[in-house]
N, C-alpha and C. Protein backbone atom coordinates (compact mmCIF):
# COMPACT_ATOMS: atom_id res chain seq x y z
N MET A 1 -56.86 23.50 69.13
CA MET A 1 -55.69 22.84 68.67
C MET A 1 -54.50 24.00 68.28
N PRO A 2 -53.42 24.17 68.45
CA PRO A 2 -52.05 24.83 67.50
C PRO A 2 -51.92 24.38 66.26
N ARG A 3 -51.44 25.52 65.60
CA ARG A 3 -51.71 24.61 63.39
C ARG A 3 -49.89 25.14 64.18
N PHE A 4 -49.47 23.94 63.73
CA PHE A 4 -48.10 24.51 63.04
C PHE A 4 -47.73 24.71 61.70
N ARG A 5 -46.46 25.19 61.61
CA ARG A 5 -46.12 25.59 60.53
C ARG A 5 -46.22 25.14 59.41
N CYS A 6 -45.43 23.59 59.40
CA CYS A 6 -44.49 22.86 58.49
C CYS A 6 -45.38 21.58 58.81
N LEU A 7 -46.02 21.66 59.96
CA LEU A 7 -46.79 19.90 60.38
C LEU A 7 -48.30 20.17 60.15
N SER A 8 -48.90 18.56 59.25
CA SER A 8 -49.86 18.52 59.31
C SER A 8 -50.29 17.17 60.47
N ASN A 9 -51.54 17.38 61.17
CA ASN A 9 -52.11 16.03 61.38
C ASN A 9 -51.62 14.96 60.66
N ALA A 10 -51.63 15.01 59.71
CA ALA A 10 -51.26 13.45 58.61
C ALA A 10 -49.61 13.29 59.00
N ALA A 11 -48.73 14.58 59.20
CA ALA A 11 -47.16 14.22 58.82
C ALA A 11 -47.38 13.71 60.38
N VAL A 12 -48.08 14.25 61.33
CA VAL A 12 -47.05 13.88 62.80
C VAL A 12 -47.71 12.23 62.90
N LEU A 13 -49.01 12.03 62.72
CA LEU A 13 -48.92 10.43 62.25
C LEU A 13 -47.71 9.93 61.68
N VAL A 14 -47.62 10.13 60.72
CA VAL A 14 -46.34 9.70 59.80
C VAL A 14 -45.63 9.41 60.78
N ILE A 15 -44.96 10.60 61.50
CA ILE A 15 -43.69 10.62 62.25
C ILE A 15 -43.81 9.30 63.35
N PHE A 16 -45.16 9.63 63.93
CA PHE A 16 -45.10 8.37 64.95
C PHE A 16 -45.35 7.02 64.59
N VAL A 17 -45.68 6.87 63.91
CA VAL A 17 -45.62 5.46 63.03
C VAL A 17 -44.43 5.02 62.68
N LEU A 18 -43.45 5.75 61.41
CA LEU A 18 -42.69 5.21 61.55
C LEU A 18 -41.45 5.57 62.70
N ALA A 19 -41.31 6.50 63.81
CA ALA A 19 -40.48 6.57 64.43
C ALA A 19 -40.33 5.91 65.91
N VAL A 20 -41.51 5.90 66.12
CA VAL A 20 -42.11 5.14 67.79
C VAL A 20 -42.65 4.02 67.74
N ALA A 21 -41.70 2.93 68.17
CA ALA A 21 -42.29 1.64 67.56
C ALA A 21 -43.65 1.70 68.48
N PRO A 22 -43.66 1.83 69.60
CA PRO A 22 -45.05 1.50 70.53
C PRO A 22 -46.41 2.24 69.62
N PHE A 23 -46.41 3.05 68.48
CA PHE A 23 -47.15 3.80 67.88
C PHE A 23 -47.39 2.83 66.27
N LYS A 24 -46.95 2.09 66.45
CA LYS A 24 -46.77 1.21 65.42
C LYS A 24 -48.30 0.12 65.49
N PRO A 25 -48.48 0.14 64.05
CA PRO A 25 -50.22 -0.71 63.68
C PRO A 25 -50.23 -1.73 64.22
N GLU A 26 -48.88 -2.68 64.66
CA GLU A 26 -49.37 -3.96 65.72
C GLU A 26 -49.81 -3.89 67.47
N PHE A 27 -49.98 -2.36 67.23
CA PHE A 27 -50.18 -2.00 68.36
C PHE A 27 -51.23 -1.55 68.89
N ILE A 28 -51.19 -0.54 67.73
CA ILE A 28 -52.70 0.65 67.91
C ILE A 28 -52.82 1.22 66.52
N SER A 29 -54.40 1.31 66.15
CA SER A 29 -55.08 1.48 64.83
C SER A 29 -54.71 2.68 64.55
N GLU A 30 -54.60 2.73 63.35
CA GLU A 30 -54.41 4.12 62.73
C GLU A 30 -55.45 5.03 63.00
N GLY A 31 -56.75 4.46 62.75
CA GLY A 31 -57.90 5.23 63.34
C GLY A 31 -57.75 6.04 65.02
N ILE A 32 -56.98 5.02 65.75
CA ILE A 32 -56.99 5.87 67.02
C ILE A 32 -56.54 6.94 67.27
N LEU A 33 -54.94 6.43 66.78
CA LEU A 33 -54.07 7.25 66.81
C LEU A 33 -54.06 8.60 66.11
N GLN A 34 -55.21 8.46 65.05
CA GLN A 34 -55.71 10.02 64.29
C GLN A 34 -56.42 10.57 65.36
N ARG A 35 -57.12 10.04 66.00
CA ARG A 35 -58.28 10.46 67.09
C ARG A 35 -57.79 11.16 68.14
N LEU A 36 -56.25 10.09 68.97
CA LEU A 36 -55.71 11.00 69.56
C LEU A 36 -54.60 11.93 69.46
N ILE A 37 -54.47 12.46 68.13
CA ILE A 37 -53.69 13.22 67.62
C ILE A 37 -54.65 14.60 67.81
N LYS A 38 -55.54 14.54 66.67
CA LYS A 38 -57.17 15.52 67.27
C LYS A 38 -57.23 15.95 68.65
N GLN A 39 -57.06 15.33 69.53
CA GLN A 39 -57.58 15.81 70.96
C GLN A 39 -56.43 16.43 71.28
N ASN A 40 -56.47 17.64 73.13
CA ASN A 40 -55.57 18.01 73.21
C ASN A 40 -54.39 17.66 73.62
N VAL A 41 -53.82 17.06 72.86
CA VAL A 41 -52.53 16.10 73.52
C VAL A 41 -51.33 16.90 72.92
N ILE A 42 -51.64 17.67 71.87
CA ILE A 42 -50.35 18.93 71.29
C ILE A 42 -50.26 20.44 71.88
N VAL A 43 -49.27 20.76 72.59
CA VAL A 43 -49.28 21.58 73.73
C VAL A 43 -47.82 22.23 73.12
N CYS A 44 -48.22 24.12 72.75
CA CYS A 44 -47.34 24.70 72.49
C CYS A 44 -46.70 25.23 74.03
N PHE A 45 -45.47 25.04 73.79
CA PHE A 45 -44.50 25.56 75.05
C PHE A 45 -43.58 26.74 75.00
N ARG A 46 -43.57 27.87 75.18
CA ARG A 46 -42.51 28.57 75.30
C ARG A 46 -41.90 29.17 76.25
N LEU A 47 -40.51 28.78 76.03
CA LEU A 47 -39.96 29.24 77.41
C LEU A 47 -39.58 31.00 77.81
N THR A 48 -40.09 31.15 78.64
CA THR A 48 -39.95 32.86 79.30
C THR A 48 -38.73 32.82 80.30
N ASP A 49 -38.59 32.08 81.21
CA ASP A 49 -37.29 31.70 82.29
C ASP A 49 -37.04 30.38 82.49
N PRO A 50 -35.55 30.56 81.71
CA PRO A 50 -34.90 29.37 81.61
C PRO A 50 -35.04 28.83 82.89
N SER A 51 -34.65 29.32 84.49
CA SER A 51 -34.53 29.22 85.96
C SER A 51 -36.00 28.43 86.41
N SER A 52 -37.03 28.87 85.49
CA SER A 52 -38.64 28.78 86.09
C SER A 52 -38.58 27.13 86.32
N ALA A 53 -38.99 26.46 87.14
CA ALA A 53 -39.27 25.22 87.57
C ALA A 53 -40.62 24.32 86.13
N GLU A 54 -41.32 25.35 85.84
CA GLU A 54 -41.81 24.98 84.49
C GLU A 54 -41.12 24.72 83.05
N CYS A 55 -40.17 25.21 83.29
CA CYS A 55 -39.33 24.81 81.45
C CYS A 55 -38.69 23.36 81.83
N TYR A 56 -39.65 22.24 82.65
CA TYR A 56 -38.74 21.18 82.92
C TYR A 56 -39.69 20.07 82.12
N LEU A 57 -39.58 19.40 81.33
CA LEU A 57 -40.53 18.46 80.74
C LEU A 57 -40.48 17.00 81.75
N TYR A 58 -39.07 16.86 82.12
CA TYR A 58 -38.63 15.68 83.19
C TYR A 58 -38.10 16.11 84.17
N ARG A 59 -37.86 15.58 85.19
CA ARG A 59 -36.86 15.57 86.48
C ARG A 59 -36.50 14.28 86.48
N ASN A 60 -34.67 14.81 86.50
CA ASN A 60 -34.08 13.57 87.58
C ASN A 60 -34.60 12.91 88.29
N GLY A 61 -34.29 11.34 88.27
CA GLY A 61 -35.08 10.52 89.58
C GLY A 61 -36.39 10.74 89.61
N ARG A 62 -37.28 11.39 88.81
CA ARG A 62 -39.02 11.62 89.20
C ARG A 62 -39.40 10.14 88.20
N GLN A 63 -40.14 9.29 88.69
CA GLN A 63 -40.62 8.65 87.23
C GLN A 63 -42.03 9.34 86.11
N CYS A 64 -41.80 9.27 85.22
CA CYS A 64 -42.77 9.63 84.61
C CYS A 64 -43.83 8.16 83.93
N ASP A 65 -45.09 8.87 83.54
CA ASP A 65 -46.05 7.99 82.56
C ASP A 65 -46.44 8.63 81.32
N TYR A 66 -45.63 9.62 80.47
CA TYR A 66 -45.97 10.56 79.58
C TYR A 66 -44.96 10.06 78.64
N PHE A 67 -45.18 10.57 77.22
CA PHE A 67 -44.14 10.46 76.10
C PHE A 67 -44.37 11.95 75.51
N ILE A 68 -43.50 12.44 75.01
CA ILE A 68 -42.78 13.73 74.67
C ILE A 68 -42.51 13.33 73.38
N MET A 69 -42.64 14.55 72.17
CA MET A 69 -42.30 14.32 70.98
C MET A 69 -42.07 15.99 70.63
N VAL A 70 -40.88 16.36 70.60
CA VAL A 70 -40.51 17.65 69.84
C VAL A 70 -41.12 18.29 68.54
N LEU A 71 -42.16 18.96 68.17
CA LEU A 71 -42.59 18.93 67.14
C LEU A 71 -41.69 20.43 66.20
N GLN A 72 -41.41 21.19 66.88
CA GLN A 72 -40.97 22.56 66.89
C GLN A 72 -40.02 23.23 67.54
N GLY A 73 -39.21 23.95 67.40
CA GLY A 73 -38.13 24.22 68.21
C GLY A 73 -36.80 23.32 68.99
N ARG A 74 -36.46 23.53 69.78
CA ARG A 74 -35.37 22.68 70.47
C ARG A 74 -35.62 22.84 71.82
N VAL A 75 -34.65 21.63 72.38
CA VAL A 75 -35.00 21.04 73.77
C VAL A 75 -33.53 21.25 74.35
N GLN A 76 -33.00 20.85 75.28
CA GLN A 76 -31.76 21.12 75.84
C GLN A 76 -31.80 20.13 76.77
N VAL A 77 -31.48 18.93 77.24
CA VAL A 77 -31.23 17.60 77.79
C VAL A 77 -30.04 17.41 78.54
N GLU A 78 -29.86 17.33 79.70
CA GLU A 78 -28.86 17.25 81.00
C GLU A 78 -29.63 15.70 81.01
N PHE A 79 -28.26 15.28 81.37
CA PHE A 79 -28.51 13.71 81.81
C PHE A 79 -27.01 13.08 82.29
N GLY A 80 -27.28 11.50 82.71
CA GLY A 80 -26.15 10.84 83.32
C GLY A 80 -25.64 11.58 84.45
N LYS A 81 -24.70 10.74 85.06
CA LYS A 81 -23.97 11.51 86.34
C LYS A 81 -23.20 12.41 86.20
N GLU A 82 -22.78 12.24 84.82
CA GLU A 82 -21.93 13.59 84.63
C GLU A 82 -22.38 14.86 83.81
N ASN A 83 -23.72 15.08 84.36
CA ASN A 83 -24.59 15.77 83.75
C ASN A 83 -24.31 16.09 81.97
N LEU A 84 -24.26 15.65 81.57
CA LEU A 84 -23.81 15.31 79.88
C LEU A 84 -25.09 16.32 78.86
N ILE A 85 -24.80 16.74 78.82
CA ILE A 85 -26.10 17.92 77.78
C ILE A 85 -26.00 17.78 76.48
N PHE A 86 -26.95 17.77 75.85
CA PHE A 86 -27.20 17.97 74.18
C PHE A 86 -28.43 18.26 74.11
N GLU A 87 -28.49 18.79 72.21
CA GLU A 87 -29.34 20.06 72.51
C GLU A 87 -30.16 19.09 70.95
N GLY A 88 -31.10 18.85 71.53
CA GLY A 88 -32.42 18.34 70.51
C GLY A 88 -33.36 19.13 69.44
N GLY A 89 -33.67 19.24 68.40
CA GLY A 89 -34.69 19.62 67.56
C GLY A 89 -35.89 18.81 67.39
N PRO A 90 -36.79 19.42 65.77
CA PRO A 90 -38.10 18.74 65.59
C PRO A 90 -37.95 17.46 66.03
N PHE A 91 -38.76 16.15 66.02
CA PHE A 91 -38.79 14.91 66.20
C PHE A 91 -38.07 14.08 67.36
N VAL A 92 -37.42 14.97 68.00
CA VAL A 92 -36.84 14.20 69.32
C VAL A 92 -37.79 13.78 70.00
N TYR A 93 -37.74 12.76 70.73
CA TYR A 93 -39.01 11.92 71.87
C TYR A 93 -38.49 11.31 72.56
N PHE A 94 -38.98 11.59 73.71
CA PHE A 94 -38.81 11.06 75.26
C PHE A 94 -39.94 10.80 75.49
N GLY A 95 -39.71 8.82 76.43
CA GLY A 95 -40.62 8.63 77.22
C GLY A 95 -41.69 7.19 76.41
N VAL A 96 -40.31 6.89 75.64
CA VAL A 96 -40.81 5.43 75.29
C VAL A 96 -40.70 4.29 75.95
N GLN A 97 -40.68 4.51 76.95
CA GLN A 97 -40.03 3.15 77.98
C GLN A 97 -41.70 3.38 78.91
N ALA A 98 -42.15 4.51 79.16
CA ALA A 98 -43.24 4.30 79.70
C ALA A 98 -44.40 3.93 78.98
N LEU A 99 -44.13 4.49 77.36
CA LEU A 99 -45.38 3.72 76.58
C LEU A 99 -44.99 2.08 76.31
N SER A 100 -43.83 1.56 76.69
CA SER A 100 -43.71 0.37 76.24
C SER A 100 -43.86 -0.41 77.50
N MET A 101 -44.03 0.25 78.99
CA MET A 101 -44.23 -0.37 80.02
C MET A 101 -45.90 -0.92 79.97
N ILE A 102 -46.47 0.36 79.77
CA ILE A 102 -48.11 0.57 79.46
C ILE A 102 -48.40 -0.69 78.60
N LEU A 103 -47.73 -0.87 77.10
CA LEU A 103 -48.24 -2.06 76.16
C LEU A 103 -48.00 -3.22 76.78
N ALA A 104 -46.80 -3.18 77.78
CA ALA A 104 -46.69 -4.38 78.60
C ALA A 104 -47.69 -4.93 79.74
N LEU A 105 -48.45 -4.40 80.12
CA LEU A 105 -49.07 -4.35 80.73
C LEU A 105 -50.42 -4.97 80.02
N LEU A 106 -50.83 -4.09 79.12
CA LEU A 106 -52.06 -4.73 78.43
C LEU A 106 -51.39 -5.53 77.48
N MET A 107 -50.96 -6.25 77.66
CA MET A 107 -50.57 -7.51 76.72
C MET A 107 -50.03 -8.90 77.36
């Protein structure tokens, strides 16, 4: 697993539990979440060609079933019919709706 200069697994755990509702203790135990973070779920992604299809984390109009949190670096997001753009940095996350749908199925 890649090592982050400023974040330990414990810090990532705290951020998940405090910031992301589906990771709160009433839905997932801290032990399970710790094991999940230790798995190969953290990916280092370096953008080399902005026009490449590989540089997109999500595509407009395509459903997804995954969650992404930016731990380091920046991400540019384009959304809406007006193609509004914003730039996010560390701890910006996407995909809570996918996690919430999974929780709804389990409950």
